[in-house]
Amino acid sequence: MRKIKNKILGSVILIVTLSVTAISALAYEQFSSILEAQALREDTIHLEQTTNQMNHLIDDVQKYAANMVNDELLQRFAARLNYFSTYDELSAYRDVVVQLTKFNVLRDYLESSAIVRSDGKIFWSSLYIDPYFERLLQEDWYQEALKSDAKSGFTAPHIILDPDSKKIVSFFIRFDPQYGGVLLLNIDYTAFESLFQYLGQSFDQVAWIGPGQSLLYQQGAATELPAPTLSADSPDIQVVKHDKGYYLASAFEKSDWSVSTFTSNERFYEWVGYIVRYWAIFLALCLALCFLLFLPSSRILCVRSCR
């Protein structure tokens, strides 16, 4: 009698186990694809938000610089190369510093600004003329930026001493040819960095890409996988999948910058791991419930079979 009961109970448990396991495997496969699509959608939303914030910052810098370069006082100062005396030139410079200071305080991201006349002489918004600034503009970040014929653009991140060491990204815009000269806006690097640091909370790797695939910022361990190459002509977010994960990339409008993010499979399967544990608990509960339900039934069947 006991053997018959054990056979009946064992058969029931085996059938239930195989059935629940098969259903769970099919559900897991289907749910994994849904979860992956959902994770990719959320990552895309995070990248879109950062891209929109970056585009807004770029647009604001460009429009604000255009407003500054059209200021009559700044235009006259940039155009005039000769003064009757050094005193007259310094007096005019003081008026310019007042005007630049008014512009600077209206934007939190502005560290300083400067006018570079066509004769190469530099007038900084800090109200002092120092040979250091003339040497500063001989560095690659400025020389490379002005090689193009573009009216305006961003430079690579660089360090200035004004008076303390600061990391900035400069935006240059040329005055109209009749005036000559260049206006420089020095933007605090953290205004850009904070956007990518926030984005890095959602990804294993974040990279801010500049002209010629130069790396302007990177957060997270570097991977050997090739990142997508984007330009401003392809503003939509692109997805590139690899065996080790997937890249999301987006180009910023009105600039030659882009951002690339990487999410590894390990990060995704951390999410899936929680689901697997829930399924394991669910399967164990199903088996225990089946055992409790079919145990009395197996006894009844065993008694009837023995009669």
Protein backbone atom coordinates (compact mmCIF):
# COMPACT_ATOMS: atom_id res chain seq x y z
CA MET A 1 0.00 0.00 0.00
CA ARG A 2 2.81 2.42 0.87
CA LYS A 3 4.61 1.62 -2.38
CA ILE A 4 1.49 2.34 -4.42
CA LYS A 5 0.99 5.62 -2.56
CA ASN A 6 4.59 6.64 -3.16
CA LYS A 7 4.34 5.78 -6.86
CA ILE A 8 1.17 7.80 -7.27
CA LEU A 9 2.57 10.74 -5.34
CA GLY A 10 5.90 10.56 -7.18
CA SER A 11 4.16 10.50 -10.57
CA VAL A 12 2.02 13.48 -9.66
CA ILE A 13 4.99 15.47 -8.38
CA LEU A 14 7.03 14.57 -11.49
CA ILE A 15 4.26 15.64 -13.85
CA VAL A 16 3.65 18.87 -11.95
CA THR A 17 7.39 19.61 -11.75
CA LEU A 18 7.93 19.08 -15.48
CA SER A 19 4.84 21.09 -16.38
CA VAL A 20 5.66 24.03 -14.11
CA THR A 21 9.32 23.98 -15.19
CA ALA A 22 8.41 23.99 -18.89
CA ILE A 23 5.91 26.80 -18.40
CA SER A 24 8.43 28.75 -16.32
CA ALA A 25 11.16 28.31 -18.95
CA LEU A 26 8.85 29.60 -21.70
CA ALA A 27 7.69 32.47 -19.50
CA TYR A 28 11.30 33.31 -18.55
CA GLU A 29 12.38 33.45 -22.19
CA GLN A 30 9.46 35.64 -23.13
CA PHE A 31 9.81 37.84 -20.07
CA SER A 32 13.57 38.25 -20.61
CA SER A 33 13.00 39.71 -24.06
CA ILE A 34 10.35 42.02 -22.66
CA LEU A 35 12.63 43.05 -19.80
CA GLU A 36 15.53 43.68 -22.18
CA ALA A 37 13.33 45.85 -24.39
CA GLN A 38 12.13 47.75 -21.32
CA ALA A 39 15.68 48.24 -20.05
CA LEU A 40 16.77 49.50 -23.47
CA ARG A 41 13.81 51.87 -23.57
CA GLU A 42 14.67 53.30 -20.14
CA ASP A 43 18.32 53.72 -21.11
CA THR A 44 17.21 55.50 -24.28
CA ILE A 45 15.04 57.87 -22.25
CA HIS A 46 17.96 58.68 -19.92
CA LEU A 47 20.22 59.40 -22.88
CA GLU A 48 17.56 61.52 -24.58
CA GLN A 49 17.17 63.62 -21.43
CA THR A 50 20.91 64.26 -21.21
CA THR A 51 21.10 64.98 -24.95
CA ASN A 52 18.30 67.54 -24.67
CA GLN A 53 20.00 69.22 -21.69
CA MET A 54 23.31 69.33 -23.54
CA ASN A 55 21.66 70.74 -26.68
CA HIS A 56 19.98 73.40 -24.55
CA LEU A 57 23.32 74.38 -22.98
CA ILE A 58 25.05 74.50 -26.39
CA ASP A 59 22.23 76.58 -27.86
CA ASP A 60 22.27 78.99 -24.93
CA VAL A 61 26.04 79.50 -25.20
CA GLN A 62 25.84 80.16 -28.93
CA LYS A 63 22.96 82.61 -28.68
CA TYR A 64 24.48 84.41 -25.71
CA ALA A 65 27.83 84.75 -27.48
CA ALA A 66 26.07 86.09 -30.58
CA ASN A 67 24.38 88.69 -28.39
CA MET A 68 27.70 89.70 -26.84
CA VAL A 69 29.56 89.94 -30.13
CA ASN A 70 26.91 92.36 -31.42
CA ASP A 71 27.42 94.74 -28.50
CA GLU A 72 28.56 98.11 -29.88
CA LEU A 73 31.07 98.83 -27.12
CA LEU A 74 32.79 95.46 -27.60
CA GLN A 75 32.75 95.83 -31.38
CA ARG A 76 34.38 99.26 -31.25
CA PHE A 77 37.05 98.06 -28.85
CA ALA A 78 37.84 95.00 -30.98
CA ALA A 79 38.12 97.16 -34.10
CA ARG A 80 40.35 99.91 -32.72
CA LEU A 81 44.04 98.97 -32.68
CA ASN A 82 45.70 102.34 -32.03
CA TYR A 83 45.23 104.84 -29.21
CA PHE A 84 46.85 108.18 -28.48
CA SER A 85 48.37 106.78 -25.29
CA THR A 86 48.50 103.68 -23.16
CA TYR A 87 46.30 105.46 -20.65
CA ASP A 88 43.57 105.93 -23.27
CA GLU A 89 43.79 102.25 -24.19
CA LEU A 90 43.55 101.15 -20.55
CA SER A 91 40.61 103.51 -19.98
CA ALA A 92 38.79 101.95 -22.90
CA TYR A 93 39.72 98.51 -21.54
CA ARG A 94 38.16 99.36 -18.16
CA ASP A 95 34.88 100.18 -19.89
CA VAL A 96 35.05 96.86 -21.72
CA VAL A 97 35.70 94.96 -18.48
CA VAL A 98 32.59 96.50 -16.95
CA GLN A 99 30.57 95.43 -19.97
CA LEU A 100 32.02 91.90 -20.01
CA THR A 101 31.37 91.56 -16.28
CA LYS A 102 27.72 92.46 -16.81
CA PHE A 103 27.47 89.68 -19.38
CA ASN A 104 29.39 87.17 -17.28
CA VAL A 105 27.25 87.46 -14.15
CA LEU A 106 24.10 86.59 -16.09
CA ARG A 107 25.32 83.05 -16.79
CA ASP A 108 26.45 80.77 -13.97
CA TYR A 109 28.53 78.64 -16.32
CA LEU A 110 30.74 81.56 -17.43
CA GLU A 111 34.10 81.70 -15.64
CA SER A 112 35.49 84.61 -17.65
CA SER A 113 35.61 86.11 -21.12
CA ALA A 114 38.17 87.82 -23.31
CA ILE A 115 38.59 89.84 -26.49
CA VAL A 116 41.39 88.88 -28.86
CA ARG A 117 42.05 91.75 -31.24
CA SER A 118 43.16 91.18 -34.81
CA ASP A 119 46.68 92.26 -33.83
CA GLY A 120 46.83 89.36 -31.36
CA LYS A 121 46.57 91.48 -28.23
CA ILE A 122 44.39 89.89 -25.53
CA PHE A 123 42.12 91.70 -23.08
CA TRP A 124 40.76 89.50 -20.30
CA SER A 125 37.65 90.27 -18.26
CA SER A 126 39.80 90.18 -15.10
CA LEU A 127 41.10 93.71 -15.83
CA TYR A 128 44.75 92.92 -16.21
CA ILE A 129 47.03 92.38 -19.15
CA ASP A 130 49.45 89.53 -18.59
CA PRO A 131 51.84 87.86 -21.07
CA TYR A 132 50.52 84.57 -19.68
CA PHE A 133 47.32 84.95 -21.69
CA GLU A 134 49.24 85.58 -24.90
CA ARG A 135 51.18 82.36 -24.27
CA LEU A 136 47.94 80.59 -23.37
CA LEU A 137 46.47 81.24 -26.80
CA GLN A 138 49.49 79.64 -28.43
CA GLU A 139 48.40 76.27 -27.07
CA ASP A 140 46.76 73.63 -29.25
CA TRP A 141 43.24 74.07 -27.86
CA TYR A 142 43.04 77.59 -29.35
CA GLN A 143 45.21 77.19 -32.42
CA GLU A 144 43.36 74.05 -33.53
CA ALA A 145 39.98 75.71 -33.03
CA LEU A 146 40.85 78.73 -35.17
CA LYS A 147 42.33 76.68 -38.03
CA SER A 148 38.86 76.27 -39.50
CA ASP A 149 36.97 79.07 -41.19
CA ALA A 150 34.01 78.59 -38.86
CA LYS A 151 32.58 81.76 -37.41
CA SER A 152 32.21 80.12 -34.02
CA GLY A 153 32.81 76.86 -32.18
CA PHE A 154 33.93 75.11 -29.02
CA THR A 155 37.51 74.31 -28.10
CA ALA A 156 38.82 71.20 -26.38
CA PRO A 157 38.82 71.27 -22.55
CA HIS A 158 41.91 72.96 -21.14
CA ILE A 159 43.38 74.50 -17.99
CA ILE A 160 43.77 78.21 -17.28
CA LEU A 161 45.18 80.11 -14.31
CA ASP A 162 42.75 82.92 -13.54
CA PRO A 163 44.06 83.23 -10.86
CA ASP A 164 43.62 79.63 -9.68
CA SER A 165 43.85 76.57 -11.87
CA LYS A 166 40.52 75.89 -13.56
CA LYS A 167 39.40 73.45 -16.22
CA ILE A 168 37.26 75.12 -18.84
CA VAL A 169 35.84 74.73 -22.33
CA SER A 170 36.10 77.89 -24.38
CA PHE A 171 33.64 79.06 -27.00
CA PHE A 172 35.02 81.38 -29.66
CA ILE A 173 33.03 83.62 -31.96
CA ARG A 174 34.50 86.00 -34.49
CA PHE A 175 33.47 89.62 -34.75
CA ASP A 176 32.25 90.75 -38.15
CA PRO A 177 35.17 91.17 -40.61
CA GLN A 178 34.77 94.97 -40.52
CA TYR A 179 35.69 94.88 -36.83
CA GLY A 180 38.03 91.88 -36.68
CA GLY A 181 39.03 89.98 -33.61
CA VAL A 182 37.58 87.12 -31.60
CA LEU A 183 35.41 86.94 -28.50
CA LEU A 184 36.17 84.10 -26.08
CA LEU A 185 33.73 82.75 -23.51
CA ASN A 186 35.33 80.47 -20.94
CA ILE A 187 32.78 77.94 -19.65
CA ASP A 188 33.22 76.00 -16.44
CA TYR A 189 33.99 72.38 -17.35
CA THR A 190 31.74 71.11 -14.56
CA ALA A 191 28.71 72.50 -16.42
CA PHE A 192 29.28 69.71 -18.95
CA GLU A 193 30.76 67.16 -16.57
CA SER A 194 27.75 67.19 -14.24
CA LEU A 195 25.47 66.09 -17.09
CA PHE A 196 27.64 63.08 -17.89
CA GLN A 197 28.13 62.18 -14.24
CA TYR A 198 24.36 61.99 -13.82
CA LEU A 199 24.12 59.90 -16.97
CA GLY A 200 26.81 57.57 -15.64
CA GLN A 201 24.45 56.38 -12.90
CA SER A 202 22.47 54.47 -15.54
CA PHE A 203 25.34 53.01 -17.59
CA ASP A 204 28.56 51.06 -17.15
CA GLN A 205 30.44 53.51 -19.35
CA VAL A 206 29.85 57.06 -20.59
CA ALA A 207 32.09 58.83 -23.09
CA TRP A 208 31.91 62.40 -24.38
CA ILE A 209 33.37 62.34 -27.88
CA GLY A 210 34.87 65.37 -29.60
CA PRO A 211 36.20 66.10 -33.11
CA GLY A 212 38.23 63.28 -34.64
CA GLN A 213 36.90 60.83 -32.04
CA SER A 214 38.86 62.62 -29.30
CA LEU A 215 37.83 61.69 -25.77
CA LEU A 216 36.69 64.73 -23.78
CA TYR A 217 35.24 62.85 -20.81
CA GLN A 218 34.97 59.23 -19.74
CA GLN A 219 33.31 57.53 -16.80
CA GLY A 220 33.51 53.81 -16.12
CA ALA A 221 35.92 51.12 -17.24
CA ALA A 222 36.95 51.31 -20.88
CA THR A 223 35.89 48.50 -23.21
CA GLU A 224 37.56 47.20 -26.33
CA LEU A 225 34.33 47.27 -28.32
CA PRO A 226 34.07 49.84 -31.12
CA ALA A 227 31.70 52.66 -30.32
CA PRO A 228 29.31 54.07 -32.95
CA THR A 229 30.56 57.01 -34.97
CA LEU A 230 28.05 59.84 -35.07
CA SER A 231 27.81 63.38 -36.35
CA ALA A 232 25.32 66.19 -36.04
CA ASP A 233 23.74 64.89 -39.27
CA SER A 234 22.53 61.81 -37.37
CA PRO A 235 20.87 63.24 -34.26
CA ASP A 236 18.71 60.21 -33.48
CA ILE A 237 19.90 57.78 -30.86
CA GLN A 238 21.60 54.76 -32.37
CA VAL A 239 21.82 51.30 -30.84
CA VAL A 240 24.68 48.90 -31.56
CA LYS A 241 24.49 45.45 -29.95
CA HIS A 242 27.47 43.24 -29.15
CA ASP A 243 27.98 39.92 -27.45
CA LYS A 244 29.13 41.75 -24.30
CA GLY A 245 26.34 44.34 -24.21
CA TYR A 246 25.09 47.25 -26.26
CA TYR A 247 26.04 50.82 -27.08
CA LEU A 248 23.72 53.80 -27.24
CA ALA A 249 25.03 56.89 -28.99
CA SER A 250 23.69 60.33 -29.78
CA ALA A 251 25.08 63.40 -31.54
CA PHE A 252 24.59 66.88 -30.12
CA GLU A 253 22.98 69.49 -32.32
CA LYS A 254 24.95 72.54 -33.54
CA SER A 255 28.28 70.99 -32.53
CA ASP A 256 30.72 68.27 -33.51
CA TRP A 257 30.27 66.49 -30.18
CA SER A 258 28.51 63.24 -29.39
CA VAL A 259 27.98 60.93 -26.42
CA SER A 260 28.37 57.16 -26.32
CA THR A 261 27.17 54.87 -23.52
CA PHE A 262 27.75 51.18 -22.89
CA THR A 263 25.63 48.73 -20.90
CA SER A 264 27.11 45.30 -20.25
CA ASN A 265 25.18 42.06 -20.20
CA GLU A 266 26.21 41.64 -16.56
CA ARG A 267 24.34 44.79 -15.61
CA PHE A 268 21.23 43.59 -17.44
CA TYR A 269 21.36 40.11 -15.93
CA GLU A 270 21.49 41.63 -12.46
CA TRP A 271 17.91 42.67 -13.14
CA VAL A 272 17.03 39.26 -14.56
CA GLY A 273 18.58 37.58 -11.51
CA TYR A 274 15.88 39.05 -9.29
CA ILE A 275 13.22 37.56 -11.54
CA VAL A 276 14.92 34.16 -11.52
CA ARG A 277 14.89 34.12 -7.73
CA TYR A 278 11.19 34.96 -7.67
CA TRP A 279 10.50 32.15 -10.16
CA ALA A 280 12.50 29.70 -8.05
CA ILE A 281 10.44 30.62 -4.98
CA PHE A 282 7.25 30.36 -7.04
CA LEU A 283 8.24 26.90 -8.31
CA ALA A 284 9.06 25.67 -4.81
CA LEU A 285 5.73 26.93 -3.50
CA CYS A 286 3.87 25.24 -6.37
CA LEU A 287 5.56 21.92 -5.67
CA ALA A 288 4.89 22.17 -1.94
CA LEU A 289 1.24 23.05 -2.58
CA CYS A 290 0.87 20.17 -5.02
CA PHE A 291 2.38 17.79 -2.48
CA LEU A 292 -0.06 18.95 0.19
CA LEU A 293 -3.05 18.74 -2.16
CA PHE A 294 -2.28 15.38 -3.72
CA LEU A 295 -1.15 13.61 -0.56
CA PRO A 296 -4.73 13.00 0.71
CA SER A 297 -5.85 12.11 -2.82
CA SER A 298 -3.08 9.57 -3.16
CA ARG A 299 -4.19 7.90 0.04
CA ILE A 300 -7.76 7.61 -1.21
CA LEU A 301 -6.62 6.19 -4.53
CA CYS A 302 -4.32 3.78 -2.73
CA VAL A 303 -7.17 2.52 -0.49
CA ARG A 304 -9.49 2.04 -3.43
CA SER A 305 -6.86 0.19 -5.43
CA CYS A 306 -6.15 -2.13 -2.49
CA ARG A 307 -9.85 -3.11 -2.32
